[in-house]
Amino acid sequence: SSGINAEYGEDTERELKKIAEFLGVELTEELKKQVLHEGKFETMQKNPVVNNSSNGIDVKTTPFIRKGNVGGWRDYLTGEQSTELDKAIAKVHAVGGRVRCTLENN
């Protein structure tokens, strides 16, 4: 299934429970169902607020949300751009930040 858990390789319901607990929100079955639905890639891709079409952007010619495939960046970045991004991420890590992705030139 595509959605948040497919992208992050996590158990979505488990992570949702952690977030709700952290925020002090009661996670009812109805709310859980709604959040899981809204978090699906296909749902977010169609949402005007998320896909930027509410800002007048034509998402058919300039998609803000692409295909949702892991590694899809390879279709958009050159090797040089990828290297620069790797360097930027390394700087974030060096100061204790957390970036949850790896970029490889394959």
N, C-alpha and C. Protein backbone atom coordinates (compact mmCIF):
# COMPACT_ATOMS: atom_id res chain seq x y z
N SER A 1 0.85 -1.19 0.00
CA SER A 1 0.00 0.00 0.00
C SER A 1 0.88 1.23 0.00
N SER A 2 0.48 2.25 -0.76
CA SER A 2 1.27 3.45 -0.70
C SER A 2 0.68 4.37 0.34
N GLY A 3 1.52 4.99 1.03
CA GLY A 3 1.12 5.90 2.08
C GLY A 3 2.32 6.23 2.93
N ILE A 4 2.06 6.82 4.05
CA ILE A 4 3.14 7.23 4.92
C ILE A 4 4.00 6.04 5.31
N ASN A 5 3.35 4.91 5.66
CA ASN A 5 4.14 3.77 6.10
C ASN A 5 5.00 3.18 4.99
N ALA A 6 4.55 3.26 3.76
CA ALA A 6 5.35 2.74 2.64
C ALA A 6 6.60 3.59 2.45
N GLU A 7 6.47 4.90 2.62
CA GLU A 7 7.60 5.79 2.45
C GLU A 7 8.61 5.66 3.58
N TYR A 8 8.14 5.54 4.79
CA TYR A 8 9.04 5.54 5.93
C TYR A 8 9.33 4.15 6.47
N GLY A 9 8.69 3.14 5.93
CA GLY A 9 8.96 1.79 6.38
C GLY A 9 8.57 1.56 7.82
N GLU A 10 7.57 2.24 8.28
CA GLU A 10 7.14 2.14 9.66
C GLU A 10 5.74 1.55 9.75
N ASP A 11 5.38 1.16 10.96
CA ASP A 11 4.03 0.73 11.27
C ASP A 11 3.22 2.00 11.52
N THR A 12 2.41 2.38 10.56
CA THR A 12 1.71 3.67 10.61
C THR A 12 0.84 3.81 11.85
N GLU A 13 0.09 2.77 12.18
CA GLU A 13 -0.79 2.88 13.35
C GLU A 13 0.00 3.07 14.63
N ARG A 14 1.11 2.35 14.76
CA ARG A 14 1.96 2.49 15.95
C ARG A 14 2.48 3.92 16.05
N GLU A 15 2.96 4.47 14.93
CA GLU A 15 3.51 5.82 14.92
C GLU A 15 2.42 6.85 15.19
N LEU A 16 1.24 6.62 14.64
CA LEU A 16 0.12 7.53 14.88
C LEU A 16 -0.25 7.56 16.36
N LYS A 17 -0.24 6.41 17.01
CA LYS A 17 -0.53 6.36 18.45
C LYS A 17 0.51 7.14 19.24
N LYS A 18 1.77 7.03 18.84
CA LYS A 18 2.84 7.77 19.53
C LYS A 18 2.63 9.28 19.39
N ILE A 19 2.29 9.72 18.18
CA ILE A 19 2.07 11.14 17.92
C ILE A 19 0.89 11.65 18.73
N ALA A 20 -0.21 10.89 18.71
CA ALA A 20 -1.40 11.29 19.46
C ALA A 20 -1.09 11.39 20.96
N GLU A 21 -0.36 10.43 21.47
CA GLU A 21 0.02 10.45 22.89
C GLU A 21 0.88 11.67 23.20
N PHE A 22 1.85 11.95 22.34
CA PHE A 22 2.73 13.10 22.52
C PHE A 22 1.93 14.40 22.53
N LEU A 23 0.95 14.49 21.64
CA LEU A 23 0.15 15.71 21.54
C LEU A 23 -0.97 15.77 22.57
N GLY A 24 -1.20 14.66 23.28
CA GLY A 24 -2.28 14.62 24.25
C GLY A 24 -3.65 14.55 23.60
N VAL A 25 -3.71 13.94 22.42
CA VAL A 25 -4.96 13.82 21.67
C VAL A 25 -5.52 12.41 21.85
N GLU A 26 -6.82 12.35 22.14
CA GLU A 26 -7.46 11.04 22.24
C GLU A 26 -7.65 10.50 20.82
N LEU A 27 -7.08 9.35 20.56
CA LEU A 27 -7.14 8.75 19.23
C LEU A 27 -8.31 7.77 19.17
N THR A 28 -9.47 8.31 18.80
CA THR A 28 -10.64 7.46 18.65
C THR A 28 -10.51 6.66 17.35
N GLU A 29 -11.31 5.64 17.21
CA GLU A 29 -11.30 4.84 15.97
C GLU A 29 -11.64 5.72 14.77
N GLU A 30 -12.60 6.63 14.95
CA GLU A 30 -13.01 7.53 13.86
C GLU A 30 -11.86 8.45 13.45
N LEU A 31 -11.17 9.03 14.44
CA LEU A 31 -10.05 9.92 14.15
C LEU A 31 -8.91 9.14 13.51
N LYS A 32 -8.62 7.95 14.03
CA LYS A 32 -7.56 7.12 13.46
C LYS A 32 -7.86 6.81 12.00
N LYS A 33 -9.10 6.44 11.71
CA LYS A 33 -9.49 6.12 10.33
C LYS A 33 -9.31 7.34 9.43
N GLN A 34 -9.71 8.52 9.92
CA GLN A 34 -9.59 9.75 9.14
C GLN A 34 -8.13 10.10 8.87
N VAL A 35 -7.29 10.02 9.90
CA VAL A 35 -5.88 10.37 9.75
C VAL A 35 -5.19 9.39 8.80
N LEU A 36 -5.49 8.11 8.93
CA LEU A 36 -4.88 7.12 8.04
C LEU A 36 -5.31 7.36 6.59
N HIS A 37 -6.57 7.74 6.40
CA HIS A 37 -7.04 8.04 5.04
C HIS A 37 -6.34 9.29 4.49
N GLU A 38 -6.31 10.36 5.28
CA GLU A 38 -5.71 11.61 4.83
C GLU A 38 -4.21 11.48 4.62
N GLY A 39 -3.58 10.52 5.30
CA GLY A 39 -2.15 10.32 5.17
C GLY A 39 -1.74 9.47 3.98
N LYS A 40 -2.70 8.91 3.28
CA LYS A 40 -2.37 8.11 2.09
C LYS A 40 -1.83 9.02 1.00
N PHE A 41 -0.85 8.52 0.29
CA PHE A 41 -0.24 9.32 -0.77
C PHE A 41 -1.28 9.78 -1.78
N GLU A 42 -2.14 8.89 -2.20
CA GLU A 42 -3.15 9.22 -3.21
C GLU A 42 -4.07 10.34 -2.72
N THR A 43 -4.42 10.30 -1.43
CA THR A 43 -5.29 11.34 -0.87
C THR A 43 -4.56 12.68 -0.83
N MET A 44 -3.32 12.66 -0.36
CA MET A 44 -2.55 13.91 -0.29
C MET A 44 -2.32 14.49 -1.68
N GLN A 45 -2.09 13.63 -2.66
CA GLN A 45 -1.84 14.09 -4.02
C GLN A 45 -3.05 14.83 -4.59
N LYS A 46 -4.25 14.46 -4.17
CA LYS A 46 -5.48 15.09 -4.67
C LYS A 46 -5.91 16.30 -3.84
N ASN A 47 -5.33 16.50 -2.67
CA ASN A 47 -5.72 17.57 -1.77
C ASN A 47 -5.14 18.90 -2.25
N PRO A 48 -5.99 19.89 -2.61
CA PRO A 48 -5.50 21.17 -3.14
C PRO A 48 -4.54 21.91 -2.21
N VAL A 49 -4.73 21.76 -0.91
CA VAL A 49 -3.85 22.45 0.03
C VAL A 49 -2.47 21.80 0.02
N VAL A 50 -2.43 20.48 -0.09
CA VAL A 50 -1.16 19.76 -0.09
C VAL A 50 -0.46 19.85 -1.44
N ASN A 51 -1.21 19.70 -2.52
CA ASN A 51 -0.58 19.64 -3.85
C ASN A 51 -0.30 21.02 -4.45
N ASN A 52 -0.61 22.06 -3.69
CA ASN A 52 -0.31 23.46 -4.07
C ASN A 52 -1.24 24.01 -5.15
N SER A 53 -2.24 23.27 -5.59
CA SER A 53 -3.15 23.81 -6.60
C SER A 53 -4.00 24.94 -6.04
N SER A 54 -4.14 24.98 -4.71
CA SER A 54 -4.90 26.08 -4.10
C SER A 54 -4.16 27.41 -4.26
N ASN A 55 -2.88 27.35 -4.63
CA ASN A 55 -2.08 28.56 -4.86
C ASN A 55 -2.03 28.93 -6.33
N GLY A 56 -2.89 28.31 -7.14
CA GLY A 56 -2.95 28.64 -8.55
C GLY A 56 -1.95 27.88 -9.42
N ILE A 57 -1.28 26.90 -8.85
CA ILE A 57 -0.30 26.12 -9.61
C ILE A 57 -1.03 25.02 -10.37
N ASP A 58 -0.72 24.87 -11.65
CA ASP A 58 -1.30 23.81 -12.46
C ASP A 58 -0.55 22.52 -12.17
N VAL A 59 -1.15 21.66 -11.36
CA VAL A 59 -0.46 20.44 -10.93
C VAL A 59 -0.27 19.44 -12.06
N LYS A 60 -0.96 19.65 -13.17
CA LYS A 60 -0.77 18.74 -14.31
C LYS A 60 0.53 19.04 -15.05
N THR A 61 0.90 20.32 -15.09
CA THR A 61 2.14 20.69 -15.78
C THR A 61 3.31 20.89 -14.82
N THR A 62 3.02 21.23 -13.57
CA THR A 62 4.05 21.45 -12.56
C THR A 62 3.65 20.72 -11.28
N PRO A 63 3.80 19.41 -11.26
CA PRO A 63 3.35 18.67 -10.08
C PRO A 63 4.20 18.96 -8.84
N PHE A 64 3.54 19.37 -7.79
CA PHE A 64 4.22 19.61 -6.52
C PHE A 64 4.52 18.29 -5.85
N ILE A 65 3.57 17.37 -5.95
CA ILE A 65 3.75 16.01 -5.43
C ILE A 65 3.88 15.11 -6.64
N ARG A 66 5.00 14.45 -6.74
CA ARG A 66 5.27 13.65 -7.93
C ARG A 66 4.60 12.28 -7.82
N LYS A 67 5.35 11.22 -8.05
CA LYS A 67 4.79 9.87 -8.11
C LYS A 67 4.75 9.17 -6.76
N GLY A 68 5.54 9.64 -5.83
CA GLY A 68 5.57 9.02 -4.52
C GLY A 68 6.41 7.76 -4.47
N ASN A 69 7.30 7.60 -5.43
CA ASN A 69 8.16 6.43 -5.44
C ASN A 69 9.45 6.71 -4.68
N VAL A 70 9.87 5.75 -3.89
CA VAL A 70 11.14 5.88 -3.19
C VAL A 70 12.24 5.96 -4.25
N GLY A 71 13.12 6.93 -4.12
CA GLY A 71 14.22 7.09 -5.07
C GLY A 71 13.84 7.89 -6.30
N GLY A 72 12.62 8.43 -6.34
CA GLY A 72 12.17 9.19 -7.49
C GLY A 72 12.98 10.44 -7.76
N TRP A 73 13.73 10.88 -6.75
CA TRP A 73 14.58 12.06 -6.91
C TRP A 73 15.57 11.87 -8.05
N ARG A 74 15.93 10.63 -8.33
CA ARG A 74 16.91 10.36 -9.39
C ARG A 74 16.43 10.86 -10.76
N ASP A 75 15.12 10.96 -10.91
CA ASP A 75 14.56 11.46 -12.17
C ASP A 75 14.65 12.98 -12.28
N TYR A 76 15.00 13.65 -11.19
CA TYR A 76 14.97 15.10 -11.16
C TYR A 76 16.32 15.75 -10.86
N LEU A 77 17.20 15.04 -10.16
CA LEU A 77 18.49 15.61 -9.77
C LEU A 77 19.63 15.03 -10.60
N THR A 78 20.57 15.86 -10.93
CA THR A 78 21.79 15.38 -11.58
C THR A 78 22.69 14.77 -10.51
N GLY A 79 23.72 14.09 -10.93
CA GLY A 79 24.69 13.54 -9.98
C GLY A 79 25.32 14.63 -9.14
N GLU A 80 25.62 15.76 -9.77
CA GLU A 80 26.22 16.89 -9.06
C GLU A 80 25.26 17.44 -8.00
N GLN A 81 23.99 17.58 -8.35
CA GLN A 81 22.99 18.07 -7.40
C GLN A 81 22.84 17.09 -6.23
N SER A 82 22.86 15.82 -6.54
CA SER A 82 22.76 14.79 -5.51
C SER A 82 23.93 14.89 -4.54
N THR A 83 25.13 15.09 -5.08
CA THR A 83 26.33 15.23 -4.25
C THR A 83 26.21 16.44 -3.34
N GLU A 84 25.74 17.55 -3.89
CA GLU A 84 25.57 18.77 -3.09
C GLU A 84 24.54 18.55 -1.98
N LEU A 85 23.48 17.85 -2.29
CA LEU A 85 22.46 17.56 -1.28
C LEU A 85 23.03 16.65 -0.20
N ASP A 86 23.82 15.66 -0.59
CA ASP A 86 24.47 14.79 0.39
C ASP A 86 25.35 15.60 1.34
N LYS A 87 26.07 16.58 0.81
CA LYS A 87 26.93 17.44 1.63
C LYS A 87 26.08 18.25 2.62
N ALA A 88 24.97 18.79 2.14
CA ALA A 88 24.08 19.58 3.01
C ALA A 88 23.52 18.73 4.13
N ILE A 89 23.13 17.52 3.79
CA ILE A 89 22.59 16.60 4.81
C ILE A 89 23.67 16.25 5.82
N ALA A 90 24.89 16.03 5.36
CA ALA A 90 26.01 15.74 6.26
C ALA A 90 26.22 16.88 7.25
N LYS A 91 26.07 18.12 6.80
CA LYS A 91 26.21 19.28 7.69
C LYS A 91 25.13 19.27 8.76
N VAL A 92 23.91 18.92 8.39
CA VAL A 92 22.81 18.84 9.35
C VAL A 92 23.13 17.78 10.40
N HIS A 93 23.60 16.62 9.94
CA HIS A 93 23.96 15.54 10.86
C HIS A 93 25.10 15.97 11.79
N ALA A 94 26.06 16.70 11.26
CA ALA A 94 27.23 17.11 12.04
C ALA A 94 26.85 17.98 13.23
N VAL A 95 25.78 18.74 13.13
CA VAL A 95 25.36 19.59 14.24
C VAL A 95 24.24 18.95 15.05
N GLY A 96 24.04 17.66 14.86
CA GLY A 96 23.07 16.93 15.68
C GLY A 96 21.67 16.87 15.11
N GLY A 97 21.47 17.37 13.90
CA GLY A 97 20.15 17.31 13.28
C GLY A 97 19.86 15.91 12.78
N ARG A 98 18.64 15.69 12.41
CA ARG A 98 18.24 14.38 11.94
C ARG A 98 17.59 14.49 10.58
N VAL A 99 18.12 13.84 9.60
CA VAL A 99 17.52 13.79 8.28
C VAL A 99 17.27 12.32 7.99
N ARG A 100 16.04 11.99 7.62
CA ARG A 100 15.68 10.60 7.49
C ARG A 100 15.64 10.14 6.05
N CYS A 101 16.72 10.30 5.36
CA CYS A 101 16.79 9.80 4.00
C CYS A 101 18.24 9.57 3.63
N THR A 102 18.44 8.75 2.66
CA THR A 102 19.78 8.56 2.12
C THR A 102 19.68 8.75 0.63
N LEU A 103 20.67 9.38 0.08
CA LEU A 103 20.70 9.60 -1.35
C LEU A 103 21.93 8.91 -1.91
N GLU A 104 21.71 8.07 -2.87
CA GLU A 104 22.81 7.33 -3.47
C GLU A 104 22.84 7.59 -4.96
N ASN A 105 24.01 7.66 -5.51
CA ASN A 105 24.15 7.74 -6.97
C ASN A 105 24.28 6.33 -7.50
N ASN A 106 23.20 5.78 -8.00
CA ASN A 106 23.25 4.42 -8.55
C ASN A 106 23.09 4.46 -10.04
